[in-house]
Amino acid sequence: MGSALAIGLAALGGGLGMGIATGKAVESIGRQPEAESKIRTMLMLGLVFIETAIIYALLVVILIIFVL
């Protein structure tokens, strides 16, 4: 039960974070189209970090399920 809650919260938090980051990046590109390449680069870097945190949560949950 705890592992399901943990991965659910990680996925929820990651999904919300990705959605907010993408929305803000689109707003920024709309305001400053000349900075699109820099904004896109920073967005992709941020999304990678968010996704990495979700994958770490998945690994912890798998360890909880199979080791404990």
N, C-alpha and C. Protein backbone atom coordinates (compact mmCIF):
# COMPACT_ATOMS: atom_id res chain seq x y z
N MET A 1 0.82 -1.19 0.00
CA MET A 1 0.00 0.00 0.00
C MET A 1 0.87 1.26 0.00
N GLY A 2 1.91 1.24 0.81
CA GLY A 2 2.80 2.39 0.89
C GLY A 2 3.55 2.64 -0.40
N SER A 3 3.94 1.56 -1.07
CA SER A 3 4.68 1.74 -2.33
C SER A 3 3.77 2.31 -3.41
N ALA A 4 2.53 1.90 -3.44
CA ALA A 4 1.60 2.46 -4.43
C ALA A 4 1.37 3.94 -4.18
N LEU A 5 1.26 4.32 -2.92
CA LEU A 5 1.09 5.73 -2.58
C LEU A 5 2.34 6.53 -2.96
N ALA A 6 3.52 5.95 -2.71
CA ALA A 6 4.76 6.66 -3.01
C ALA A 6 4.92 6.92 -4.50
N ILE A 7 4.69 5.92 -5.33
CA ILE A 7 4.86 6.13 -6.77
C ILE A 7 3.74 7.00 -7.32
N GLY A 8 2.56 6.92 -6.73
CA GLY A 8 1.47 7.79 -7.16
C GLY A 8 1.76 9.25 -6.88
N LEU A 9 2.29 9.53 -5.70
CA LEU A 9 2.65 10.91 -5.36
C LEU A 9 3.81 11.42 -6.21
N ALA A 10 4.77 10.54 -6.48
CA ALA A 10 5.90 10.95 -7.32
C ALA A 10 5.43 11.26 -8.74
N ALA A 11 4.56 10.42 -9.27
CA ALA A 11 4.05 10.66 -10.62
C ALA A 11 3.18 11.92 -10.66
N LEU A 12 2.38 12.12 -9.64
CA LEU A 12 1.53 13.31 -9.58
C LEU A 12 2.37 14.58 -9.50
N GLY A 13 3.35 14.58 -8.63
CA GLY A 13 4.22 15.74 -8.49
C GLY A 13 5.02 16.01 -9.75
N GLY A 14 5.53 14.95 -10.35
CA GLY A 14 6.29 15.12 -11.58
C GLY A 14 5.44 15.62 -12.73
N GLY A 15 4.23 15.09 -12.83
CA GLY A 15 3.31 15.53 -13.89
C GLY A 15 2.91 16.99 -13.73
N LEU A 16 2.63 17.38 -12.51
CA LEU A 16 2.30 18.78 -12.25
C LEU A 16 3.49 19.70 -12.55
N GLY A 17 4.67 19.27 -12.12
CA GLY A 17 5.87 20.07 -12.36
C GLY A 17 6.17 20.23 -13.84
N MET A 18 6.02 19.14 -14.58
CA MET A 18 6.26 19.20 -16.03
C MET A 18 5.24 20.09 -16.72
N GLY A 19 4.00 19.99 -16.30
CA GLY A 19 2.96 20.82 -16.91
C GLY A 19 3.17 22.30 -16.65
N ILE A 20 3.52 22.63 -15.42
CA ILE A 20 3.76 24.03 -15.08
C ILE A 20 4.98 24.56 -15.82
N ALA A 21 6.06 23.77 -15.85
CA ALA A 21 7.27 24.21 -16.53
C ALA A 21 7.03 24.42 -18.02
N THR A 22 6.30 23.50 -18.64
CA THR A 22 6.02 23.63 -20.06
C THR A 22 5.14 24.84 -20.34
N GLY A 23 4.15 25.07 -19.51
CA GLY A 23 3.29 26.24 -19.67
C GLY A 23 4.06 27.54 -19.55
N LYS A 24 4.94 27.62 -18.56
CA LYS A 24 5.74 28.83 -18.39
C LYS A 24 6.71 29.02 -19.54
N ALA A 25 7.26 27.93 -20.07
CA ALA A 25 8.17 28.05 -21.21
C ALA A 25 7.43 28.55 -22.45
N VAL A 26 6.23 28.06 -22.67
CA VAL A 26 5.44 28.53 -23.81
C VAL A 26 5.10 30.00 -23.65
N GLU A 27 4.76 30.42 -22.44
CA GLU A 27 4.50 31.84 -22.19
C GLU A 27 5.74 32.68 -22.48
N SER A 28 6.89 32.19 -22.03
CA SER A 28 8.13 32.94 -22.24
C SER A 28 8.48 33.04 -23.71
N ILE A 29 8.28 31.97 -24.46
CA ILE A 29 8.56 32.01 -25.89
C ILE A 29 7.59 32.95 -26.58
N GLY A 30 6.36 32.99 -26.11
CA GLY A 30 5.39 33.91 -26.69
C GLY A 30 5.77 35.37 -26.45
N ARG A 31 6.37 35.65 -25.30
CA ARG A 31 6.76 37.02 -24.99
C ARG A 31 8.08 37.42 -25.65
N GLN A 32 9.02 36.46 -25.72
CA GLN A 32 10.32 36.74 -26.31
C GLN A 32 10.68 35.65 -27.32
N PRO A 33 10.17 35.73 -28.53
CA PRO A 33 10.45 34.69 -29.52
C PRO A 33 11.93 34.58 -29.89
N GLU A 34 12.68 35.65 -29.73
CA GLU A 34 14.10 35.60 -30.08
C GLU A 34 14.91 34.75 -29.10
N ALA A 35 14.40 34.49 -27.93
CA ALA A 35 15.09 33.69 -26.92
C ALA A 35 14.60 32.24 -26.91
N GLU A 36 13.97 31.82 -28.00
CA GLU A 36 13.36 30.49 -28.02
C GLU A 36 14.36 29.36 -27.80
N SER A 37 15.53 29.44 -28.41
CA SER A 37 16.49 28.34 -28.28
C SER A 37 17.00 28.21 -26.84
N LYS A 38 17.25 29.32 -26.17
CA LYS A 38 17.71 29.26 -24.78
C LYS A 38 16.60 28.74 -23.86
N ILE A 39 15.39 29.21 -24.09
CA ILE A 39 14.27 28.77 -23.26
C ILE A 39 14.03 27.27 -23.45
N ARG A 40 14.07 26.82 -24.70
CA ARG A 40 13.85 25.40 -24.98
C ARG A 40 14.93 24.53 -24.34
N THR A 41 16.18 24.99 -24.39
CA THR A 41 17.27 24.24 -23.79
C THR A 41 17.07 24.11 -22.28
N MET A 42 16.74 25.20 -21.64
CA MET A 42 16.53 25.16 -20.19
C MET A 42 15.30 24.33 -19.83
N LEU A 43 14.28 24.37 -20.66
CA LEU A 43 13.08 23.56 -20.42
C LEU A 43 13.43 22.08 -20.48
N MET A 44 14.17 21.69 -21.50
CA MET A 44 14.53 20.27 -21.64
C MET A 44 15.40 19.81 -20.48
N LEU A 45 16.32 20.65 -20.04
CA LEU A 45 17.16 20.30 -18.90
C LEU A 45 16.31 20.13 -17.64
N GLY A 46 15.38 21.03 -17.42
CA GLY A 46 14.49 20.92 -16.27
C GLY A 46 13.61 19.68 -16.32
N LEU A 47 13.09 19.37 -17.50
CA LEU A 47 12.24 18.18 -17.64
C LEU A 47 13.04 16.91 -17.39
N VAL A 48 14.30 16.90 -17.80
CA VAL A 48 15.14 15.73 -17.54
C VAL A 48 15.33 15.54 -16.04
N PHE A 49 15.57 16.63 -15.31
CA PHE A 49 15.73 16.51 -13.86
C PHE A 49 14.45 16.02 -13.19
N ILE A 50 13.31 16.50 -13.62
CA ILE A 50 12.04 16.06 -13.05
C ILE A 50 11.82 14.57 -13.33
N GLU A 51 12.09 14.17 -14.56
CA GLU A 51 11.90 12.77 -14.94
C GLU A 51 12.86 11.86 -14.16
N THR A 52 14.07 12.34 -13.92
CA THR A 52 15.03 11.56 -13.15
C THR A 52 14.53 11.34 -11.72
N ALA A 53 13.94 12.35 -11.13
CA ALA A 53 13.40 12.19 -9.78
C ALA A 53 12.28 11.16 -9.76
N ILE A 54 11.44 11.13 -10.79
CA ILE A 54 10.37 10.14 -10.86
C ILE A 54 10.94 8.74 -11.03
N ILE A 55 11.97 8.61 -11.83
CA ILE A 55 12.59 7.29 -12.03
C ILE A 55 13.23 6.81 -10.73
N TYR A 56 13.88 7.71 -9.98
CA TYR A 56 14.44 7.33 -8.68
C TYR A 56 13.34 6.86 -7.73
N ALA A 57 12.21 7.52 -7.75
CA ALA A 57 11.09 7.10 -6.90
C ALA A 57 10.62 5.71 -7.31
N LEU A 58 10.57 5.46 -8.62
CA LEU A 58 10.18 4.13 -9.10
C LEU A 58 11.16 3.06 -8.63
N LEU A 59 12.44 3.37 -8.69
CA LEU A 59 13.44 2.40 -8.23
C LEU A 59 13.32 2.13 -6.74
N VAL A 60 13.05 3.15 -5.96
CA VAL A 60 12.87 2.96 -4.51
C VAL A 60 11.64 2.10 -4.25
N VAL A 61 10.59 2.34 -4.99
CA VAL A 61 9.36 1.54 -4.81
C VAL A 61 9.62 0.08 -5.18
N ILE A 62 10.34 -0.14 -6.27
CA ILE A 62 10.65 -1.52 -6.66
C ILE A 62 11.49 -2.19 -5.59
N LEU A 63 12.44 -1.47 -5.01
CA LEU A 63 13.25 -2.04 -3.92
C LEU A 63 12.38 -2.34 -2.71
N ILE A 64 11.45 -1.47 -2.39
CA ILE A 64 10.56 -1.71 -1.26
C ILE A 64 9.73 -2.96 -1.49
N ILE A 65 9.21 -3.11 -2.70
CA ILE A 65 8.35 -4.26 -3.00
C ILE A 65 9.11 -5.57 -2.92
N PHE A 66 10.29 -5.63 -3.52
CA PHE A 66 10.99 -6.89 -3.65
C PHE A 66 11.99 -7.20 -2.54
N VAL A 67 12.46 -6.19 -1.83
CA VAL A 67 13.47 -6.44 -0.79
C VAL A 67 12.84 -6.51 0.58
N LEU A 68 11.88 -5.66 0.86
CA LEU A 68 11.30 -5.65 2.21
C LEU A 68 10.11 -6.54 2.33
